[in-house]
Each structure stands twice: as structure tokens, then as C-alpha cells.
PDB file of N, CA and C in Angstrom:
ATOM      1  N   UNK A   1      56.840  33.783   5.574  1.00  0.00           N
ATOM      2  CA  UNK A   1      57.822  33.360   4.772  1.00  0.00           C
ATOM      3  C   UNK A   1      57.460  33.200   3.414  1.00  0.00           C
ATOM      4  N   UNK A   2      57.262  34.245   2.569  1.00  0.00           N
ATOM      5  CA  UNK A   2      56.761  34.364   1.335  1.00  0.00           C
ATOM      6  C   UNK A   2      57.920  33.572   0.399  1.00  0.00           C
ATOM      7  N   UNK A   3      57.396  32.943  -0.394  1.00  0.00           N
ATOM      8  CA  UNK A   3      58.223  32.312  -1.434  1.00  0.00           C
ATOM      9  C   UNK A   3      59.102  31.079  -0.946  1.00  0.00           C
ATOM     10  N   UNK A   4      58.628  30.637   0.330  1.00  0.00           N
ATOM     11  CA  UNK A   4      59.382  29.531   1.031  1.00  0.00           C
ATOM     12  C   UNK A   4      60.849  29.810   0.872  1.00  0.00           C
ATOM     13  N   UNK A   5      61.353  30.922   1.219  1.00  0.00           N
ATOM     14  CA  UNK A   5      62.723  31.111   1.313  1.00  0.00           C
ATOM     15  C   UNK A   5      63.320  31.618  -0.299  1.00  0.00           C
ATOM     16  N   UNK A   6      62.493  31.719  -1.028  1.00  0.00           N
ATOM     17  CA  UNK A   6      62.827  31.906  -2.462  1.00  0.00           C
ATOM     18  C   UNK A   6      61.839  33.252  -2.787  1.00  0.00           C
ATOM     19  N   UNK A   7      62.353  34.445  -2.622  1.00  0.00           N
ATOM     20  CA  UNK A   7      61.370  35.559  -2.635  1.00  0.00           C
ATOM     21  C   UNK A   7      61.193  35.907  -4.141  1.00  0.00           C
ATOM     22  N   UNK A   8      62.121  35.294  -4.986  1.00  0.00           N
ATOM     23  CA  UNK A   8      61.932  35.479  -6.550  1.00  0.00           C
ATOM     24  C   UNK A   8      60.745  34.810  -7.085  1.00  0.00           C
ATOM     25  N   UNK A   9      60.260  33.690  -6.337  1.00  0.00           N
ATOM     26  CA  UNK A   9      59.128  32.882  -6.713  1.00  0.00           C
ATOM     27  C   UNK A   9      57.673  33.335  -6.527  1.00  0.00           C
ATOM     28  N   UNK A  10      57.790  34.201  -5.323  1.00  0.00           N
ATOM     29  CA  UNK A  10      56.324  34.721  -5.017  1.00  0.00           C
ATOM     30  C   UNK A  10      56.301  36.066  -4.806  1.00  0.00           C
ATOM     31  N   UNK A  11      57.179  36.819  -4.467  1.00  0.00           N
ATOM     32  CA  UNK A  11      57.098  38.281  -4.054  1.00  0.00           C
ATOM     33  C   UNK A  11      56.881  39.267  -5.133  1.00  0.00           C
ATOM     34  N   UNK A  12      57.274  38.790  -6.425  1.00  0.00           N
ATOM     35  CA  UNK A  12      57.101  39.935  -7.405  1.00  0.00           C
ATOM     36  C   UNK A  12      56.262  39.043  -8.480  1.00  0.00           C
ATOM     37  N   UNK A  13      54.902  39.361  -8.532  1.00  0.00           N
ATOM     38  CA  UNK A  13      54.216  38.864  -9.300  1.00  0.00           C
ATOM     39  C   UNK A  13      54.138  39.228 -10.822  1.00  0.00           C
ATOM     40  N   UNK A  14      54.616  40.650 -10.842  1.00  0.00           N
ATOM     41  CA  UNK A  14      54.596  41.276 -12.169  1.00  0.00           C
ATOM     42  C   UNK A  14      55.661  40.666 -13.028  1.00  0.00           C
ATOM     43  N   UNK A  15      56.635  39.890 -12.580  1.00  0.00           N
ATOM     44  CA  UNK A  15      57.596  39.188 -13.349  1.00  0.00           C
ATOM     45  C   UNK A  15      57.692  37.664 -12.990  1.00  0.00           C
ATOM     46  N   UNK A  16      56.662  36.970 -13.471  1.00  0.00           N
ATOM     47  CA  UNK A  16      56.638  35.529 -13.125  1.00  0.00           C
ATOM     48  C   UNK A  16      57.985  34.929 -13.394  1.00  0.00           C
ATOM     49  N   UNK A  17      58.107  33.937 -12.462  1.00  0.00           N
ATOM     50  CA  UNK A  17      59.510  33.198 -12.709  1.00  0.00           C
ATOM     51  C   UNK A  17      59.485  32.073 -13.654  1.00  0.00           C
ATOM     52  N   UNK A  18      60.312  31.364 -14.112  1.00  0.00           N
ATOM     53  CA  UNK A  18      60.397  30.153 -15.152  1.00  0.00           C
ATOM     54  C   UNK A  18      59.407  29.189 -14.410  1.00  0.00           C
ATOM     55  N   UNK A  19      59.843  28.954 -13.225  1.00  0.00           N
ATOM     56  CA  UNK A  19      58.954  27.873 -12.448  1.00  0.00           C
ATOM     57  C   UNK A  19      57.413  28.153 -12.427  1.00  0.00           C
ATOM     58  N   UNK A  20      57.062  29.522 -12.225  1.00  0.00           N
ATOM     59  CA  UNK A  20      55.600  29.858 -12.248  1.00  0.00           C
ATOM     60  C   UNK A  20      55.055  29.541 -13.608  1.00  0.00           C
ATOM     61  N   UNK A  21      55.759  30.082 -14.707  1.00  0.00           N
ATOM     62  CA  UNK A  21      55.362  29.826 -15.976  1.00  0.00           C
ATOM     63  C   UNK A  21      55.187  28.428 -16.394  1.00  0.00           C
ATOM     64  N   UNK A  22      56.137  27.582 -16.123  1.00  0.00           N
ATOM     65  CA  UNK A  22      56.076  26.181 -16.214  1.00  0.00           C
ATOM     66  C   UNK A  22      54.761  25.488 -15.533  1.00  0.00           C
ATOM     67  N   UNK A  23      54.391  25.759 -14.658  1.00  0.00           N
ATOM     68  CA  UNK A  23      53.307  25.422 -13.953  1.00  0.00           C
ATOM     69  C   UNK A  23      52.056  25.861 -14.731  1.00  0.00           C
ATOM     70  N   UNK A  24      52.191  27.082 -15.212  1.00  0.00           N
ATOM     71  CA  UNK A  24      50.920  27.604 -15.854  1.00  0.00           C
ATOM     72  C   UNK A  24      50.609  26.979 -16.997  1.00  0.00           C
ATOM     73  N   UNK A  25      51.698  26.292 -17.796  1.00  0.00           N
ATOM     74  CA  UNK A  25      51.736  25.585 -18.965  1.00  0.00           C
ATOM     75  C   UNK A  25      51.298  24.126 -18.745  1.00  0.00           C
ATOM     76  N   UNK A  26      51.655  23.901 -17.649  1.00  0.00           N
ATOM     77  CA  UNK A  26      51.466  22.393 -17.410  1.00  0.00           C
ATOM     78  C   UNK A  26      50.227  21.864 -17.897  1.00  0.00           C
ATOM     79  N   UNK A  27      50.118  20.580 -18.696  1.00  0.00           N
ATOM     80  CA  UNK A  27      48.911  20.128 -19.183  1.00  0.00           C
ATOM     81  C   UNK A  27      47.796  19.741 -17.985  1.00  0.00           C
ATOM     82  N   UNK A  28      48.132  19.514 -16.881  1.00  0.00           N
ATOM     83  CA  UNK A  28      47.162  19.316 -15.723  1.00  0.00           C
ATOM     84  C   UNK A  28      46.713  20.536 -15.237  1.00  0.00           C
ATOM     85  N   UNK A  29      47.643  21.470 -15.195  1.00  0.00           N
ATOM     86  CA  UNK A  29      47.203  22.859 -14.629  1.00  0.00           C
ATOM     87  C   UNK A  29      46.087  23.386 -15.577  1.00  0.00           C
ATOM     88  N   UNK A  30      46.369  23.287 -17.027  1.00  0.00           N
ATOM     89  CA  UNK A  30      45.523  23.830 -18.053  1.00  0.00           C
ATOM     90  C   UNK A  30      44.148  23.101 -17.786  1.00  0.00           C
ATOM     91  N   UNK A  31      44.083  21.796 -17.646  1.00  0.00           N
ATOM     92  CA  UNK A  31      42.859  20.909 -17.686  1.00  0.00           C
ATOM     93  C   UNK A  31      42.143  21.409 -16.343  1.00  0.00           C
ATOM     94  N   UNK A  32      42.733  21.600 -15.227  1.00  0.00           N
ATOM     95  CA  UNK A  32      42.138  22.138 -13.824  1.00  0.00           C
ATOM     96  C   UNK A  32      41.652  23.428 -14.382  1.00  0.00           C
ATOM     97  N   UNK A  33      42.218  24.476 -14.840  1.00  0.00           N
ATOM     98  CA  UNK A  33      41.711  25.698 -15.209  1.00  0.00           C
ATOM     99  C   UNK A  33      40.480  25.640 -16.165  1.00  0.00           C
ATOM    100  N   UNK A  34      40.304  24.744 -16.956  1.00  0.00           N
ATOM    101  CA  UNK A  34      39.178  24.409 -17.930  1.00  0.00           C
ATOM    102  C   UNK A  34      38.201  23.907 -17.091  1.00  0.00           C
ATOM    103  N   UNK A  35      38.445  22.730 -16.507  1.00  0.00           N
ATOM    104  CA  UNK A  35      37.318  21.891 -15.938  1.00  0.00           C
ATOM    105  C   UNK A  35      36.733  22.557 -14.680  1.00  0.00           C
ATOM    106  N   UNK A  36      37.520  23.281 -13.992  1.00  0.00           N
ATOM    107  CA  UNK A  36      37.173  23.810 -12.770  1.00  0.00           C
ATOM    108  C   UNK A  36      36.989  25.297 -12.616  1.00  0.00           C
ATOM    109  N   UNK A  37      36.764  26.007 -13.899  1.00  0.00           N
ATOM    110  CA  UNK A  37      36.603  27.341 -13.904  1.00  0.00           C
ATOM    111  C   UNK A  37      35.399  27.814 -13.295  1.00  0.00           C
ATOM    112  N   UNK A  38      34.248  27.236 -13.210  1.00  0.00           N
ATOM    113  CA  UNK A  38      33.259  27.748 -12.433  1.00  0.00           C
ATOM    114  C   UNK A  38      33.517  27.822 -10.942  1.00  0.00           C
ATOM    115  N   UNK A  39      34.061  26.622 -10.325  1.00  0.00           N
ATOM    116  CA  UNK A  39      34.186  26.615  -8.802  1.00  0.00           C
ATOM    117  C   UNK A  39      35.293  27.705  -8.495  1.00  0.00           C
ATOM    118  N   UNK A  40      36.131  27.903  -9.312  1.00  0.00           N
ATOM    119  CA  UNK A  40      37.257  28.866  -9.209  1.00  0.00           C
ATOM    120  C   UNK A  40      36.762  30.355  -9.246  1.00  0.00           C
ATOM    121  N   UNK A  41      35.881  30.669 -10.292  1.00  0.00           N
ATOM    122  CA  UNK A  41      35.359  31.993 -10.316  1.00  0.00           C
ATOM    123  C   UNK A  41      34.591  32.322  -9.119  1.00  0.00           C
ATOM    124  N   UNK A  42      33.744  31.217  -8.482  1.00  0.00           N
ATOM    125  CA  UNK A  42      32.887  31.473  -7.481  1.00  0.00           C
ATOM    126  C   UNK A  42      33.834  31.905  -6.124  1.00  0.00           C
ATOM    127  N   UNK A  43      34.974  31.010  -6.163  1.00  0.00           N
ATOM    128  CA  UNK A  43      35.981  31.334  -5.057  1.00  0.00           C
ATOM    129  C   UNK A  43      36.561  32.644  -4.926  1.00  0.00           C
ATOM    130  N   UNK A  44      36.953  33.097  -6.312  1.00  0.00           N
ATOM    131  CA  UNK A  44      37.310  34.606  -6.503  1.00  0.00           C
ATOM    132  C   UNK A  44      36.485  35.509  -6.161  1.00  0.00           C
ATOM    133  N   UNK A  45      35.351  35.305  -6.462  1.00  0.00           N
ATOM    134  CA  UNK A  45      34.202  36.261  -6.330  1.00  0.00           C
ATOM    135  C   UNK A  45      34.080  36.429  -4.882  1.00  0.00           C
ATOM    136  N   UNK A  46      33.898  35.213  -4.275  1.00  0.00           N
ATOM    137  CA  UNK A  46      33.901  35.241  -2.577  1.00  0.00           C
ATOM    138  C   UNK A  46      34.994  36.056  -1.961  1.00  0.00           C
ATOM    139  N   UNK A  47      36.088  35.877  -2.601  1.00  0.00           N
ATOM    140  CA  UNK A  47      37.301  36.506  -1.731  1.00  0.00           C
ATOM    141  C   UNK A  47      37.184  37.956  -2.027  1.00  0.00           C
ATOM    142  N   UNK A  48      36.569  38.459  -3.233  1.00  0.00           N
ATOM    143  CA  UNK A  48      36.412  39.885  -3.568  1.00  0.00           C
ATOM    144  C   UNK A  48      35.394  40.555  -2.471  1.00  0.00           C
ATOM    145  N   UNK A  49      34.280  39.538  -2.125  1.00  0.00           N
ATOM    146  CA  UNK A  49      33.230  40.134  -1.397  1.00  0.00           C
ATOM    147  C   UNK A  49      33.599  40.041   0.026  1.00  0.00           C
ATOM    148  N   UNK A  50      34.487  39.373   0.513  1.00  0.00           N
ATOM    149  CA  UNK A  50      34.919  38.959   1.895  1.00  0.00           C
ATOM    150  C   UNK A  50      36.226  39.306   2.183  1.00  0.00           C
ATOM    151  N   UNK A  51      36.802  40.435   1.634  1.00  0.00           N
ATOM    152  CA  UNK A  51      38.155  40.686   1.838  1.00  0.00           C
ATOM    153  C   UNK A  51      38.668  40.769   3.280  1.00  0.00           C
ATOM    154  N   UNK A  52      38.012  41.208   4.324  1.00  0.00           N
ATOM    155  CA  UNK A  52      38.319  41.134   5.646  1.00  0.00           C
ATOM    156  C   UNK A  52      37.956  39.988   6.342  1.00  0.00           C
ATOM    157  N   UNK A  53      37.245  38.968   5.607  1.00  0.00           N
ATOM    158  CA  UNK A  53      36.742  37.820   6.487  1.00  0.00           C
ATOM    159  C   UNK A  53      36.983  36.598   5.480  1.00  0.00           C
ATOM    160  N   UNK A  54      38.025  36.186   4.945  1.00  0.00           N
ATOM    161  CA  UNK A  54      38.327  35.258   3.917  1.00  0.00           C
ATOM    162  C   UNK A  54      37.878  33.788   4.473  1.00  0.00           C
ATOM    163  N   UNK A  55      37.776  33.796   5.582  1.00  0.00           N
ATOM    164  CA  UNK A  55      37.373  32.241   6.141  1.00  0.00           C
ATOM    165  C   UNK A  55      35.880  32.011   5.598  1.00  0.00           C
ATOM    166  N   UNK A  56      35.126  33.020   5.369  1.00  0.00           N
ATOM    167  CA  UNK A  56      33.687  32.966   4.862  1.00  0.00           C
ATOM    168  C   UNK A  56      33.890  32.104   3.379  1.00  0.00           C
ATOM    169  N   UNK A  57      34.806  32.018   2.884  1.00  0.00           N
ATOM    170  CA  UNK A  57      35.079  31.266   1.453  1.00  0.00           C
ATOM    171  C   UNK A  57      35.488  30.032   1.799  1.00  0.00           C
ATOM    172  N   UNK A  58      35.576  29.495   2.741  1.00  0.00           N
ATOM    173  CA  UNK A  58      36.181  28.029   3.054  1.00  0.00           C
ATOM    174  C   UNK A  58      35.447  27.232   2.107  1.00  0.00           C
ATOM    175  N   UNK A  59      33.906  27.147   2.146  1.00  0.00           N
ATOM    176  CA  UNK A  59      33.293  26.212   1.528  1.00  0.00           C
ATOM    177  C   UNK A  59      33.571  26.451  -0.181  1.00  0.00           C
ATOM    178  N   UNK A  60      33.798  27.531  -0.494  1.00  0.00           N
ATOM    179  CA  UNK A  60      34.181  27.645  -2.075  1.00  0.00           C
ATOM    180  C   UNK A  60      35.431  27.209  -2.363  1.00  0.00           C
ATOM    181  N   UNK A  61      36.333  27.343  -1.522  1.00  0.00           N
ATOM    182  CA  UNK A  61      37.800  26.973  -1.797  1.00  0.00           C
ATOM    183  C   UNK A  61      37.762  25.262  -1.691  1.00  0.00           C
ATOM    184  N   UNK A  62      36.874  24.622  -0.949  1.00  0.00           N
ATOM    185  CA  UNK A  62      36.697  23.377  -0.693  1.00  0.00           C
ATOM    186  C   UNK A  62      36.020  22.735  -1.986  1.00  0.00           C
ATOM    187  N   UNK A  63      35.157  23.363  -2.781  1.00  0.00           N
ATOM    188  CA  UNK A  63      34.501  23.016  -3.982  1.00  0.00           C
ATOM    189  C   UNK A  63      35.686  23.071  -5.089  1.00  0.00           C
ATOM    190  N   UNK A  64      36.400  24.098  -5.004  1.00  0.00           N
ATOM    191  CA  UNK A  64      37.391  24.039  -6.231  1.00  0.00           C
ATOM    192  C   UNK A  64      38.499  23.043  -5.786  1.00  0.00           C
ATOM    193  N   UNK A  65      38.845  22.589  -4.691  1.00  0.00           N
ATOM    194  CA  UNK A  65      39.902  21.838  -4.512  1.00  0.00           C
ATOM    195  C   UNK A  65      39.424  20.340  -4.765  1.00  0.00           C
ATOM    196  N   UNK A  66      37.902  19.983  -4.640  1.00  0.00           N
ATOM    197  CA  UNK A  66      37.457  18.804  -4.675  1.00  0.00           C
ATOM    198  C   UNK A  66      37.410  18.777  -6.304  1.00  0.00           C
ATOM    199  N   UNK A  67      37.022  19.647  -7.065  1.00  0.00           N
ATOM    200  CA  UNK A  67      37.047  19.533  -8.507  1.00  0.00           C
ATOM    201  C   UNK A  67      38.315  19.265  -8.996  1.00  0.00           C
ATOM    202  N   UNK A  68      39.290  20.070  -8.643  1.00  0.00           N
ATOM    203  CA  UNK A  68      40.686  19.900  -8.967  1.00  0.00           C
ATOM    204  C   UNK A  68      41.293  18.477  -8.820  1.00  0.00           C
ATOM    205  N   UNK A  69      40.802  17.804  -7.516  1.00  0.00           N
ATOM    206  CA  UNK A  69      41.525  16.716  -7.277  1.00  0.00           C
ATOM    207  C   UNK A  69      40.764  15.549  -8.033  1.00  0.00           C
ATOM    208  N   UNK A  70      39.615  15.837  -8.653  1.00  0.00           N
ATOM    209  CA  UNK A  70      38.839  14.871  -9.759  1.00  0.00           C
ATOM    210  C   UNK A  70      39.474  14.947 -11.060  1.00  0.00           C
ATOM    211  N   UNK A  71      40.309  15.817 -11.424  1.00  0.00           N
ATOM    212  CA  UNK A  71      40.650  16.076 -12.733  1.00  0.00           C
ATOM    213  C   UNK A  71      41.703  15.025 -13.054  1.00  0.00           C
ATOM    214  N   UNK A  72      41.627  14.388 -14.323  1.00  0.00           N
ATOM    215  CA  UNK A  72      42.403  13.518 -14.758  1.00  0.00           C
ATOM    216  C   UNK A  72      42.985  13.690 -16.207  1.00  0.00           C
ATOM    217  N   UNK A  73      44.164  13.560 -16.547  1.00  0.00           N
ATOM    218  CA  UNK A  73      44.574  13.690 -17.922  1.00  0.00           C
ATOM    219  C   UNK A  73      44.331  12.379 -18.583  1.00  0.00           C
ATOM    220  N   UNK A  74      43.699  12.397 -19.888  1.00  0.00           N
ATOM    221  CA  UNK A  74      43.693  11.329 -20.654  1.00  0.00           C
ATOM    222  C   UNK A  74      45.052  10.534 -21.001  1.00  0.00           C
ATOM    223  N   UNK A  75      44.956   9.447 -20.823  1.00  0.00           N
ATOM    224  CA  UNK A  75      46.038   8.575 -20.922  1.00  0.00           C
ATOM    225  C   UNK A  75      46.271   7.775 -22.355  1.00  0.00           C
TER     226      UNK A  75
END
């Protein structure tokens, strides 16, 4: 069920929706992209190397998610 019932949100990545663009410019998303760039790059590299067995990347995604969970915006 790509797009959770909203095919315009997920199925056509060549034309990002307003919702997707909003998320990309969100301050917390920008901070996560900056602070967690290294674990995310490692996760992406793992996916490239394990296209037929993405479960091999579970540890990489856990590191990225842990990093993202620790990100806080300055108040």
C-alpha cells in the first residue's frame, strides 16, 4: 500500500508533493540530516552493497535511528 492510500505522496518521487517538501525543510529534519549524516551514509552504503539482503543493514539503520532520536532543537 504505497503512500498509505495516497499514491501522490510516495509513488512518484520525481515530483515531490508539498507534504514531502515541507518535511524536508522542517528544522528538526534539517538538524537530523546534519547531525546524523555519518550513520545515514553508512546505512545507504550498506543498502547499496546488500540490495538482495537488506536485513544485513539492520544494525546500520538502528544506529541512524538512535542518532535521530537523540537530536534536539535548541529552545
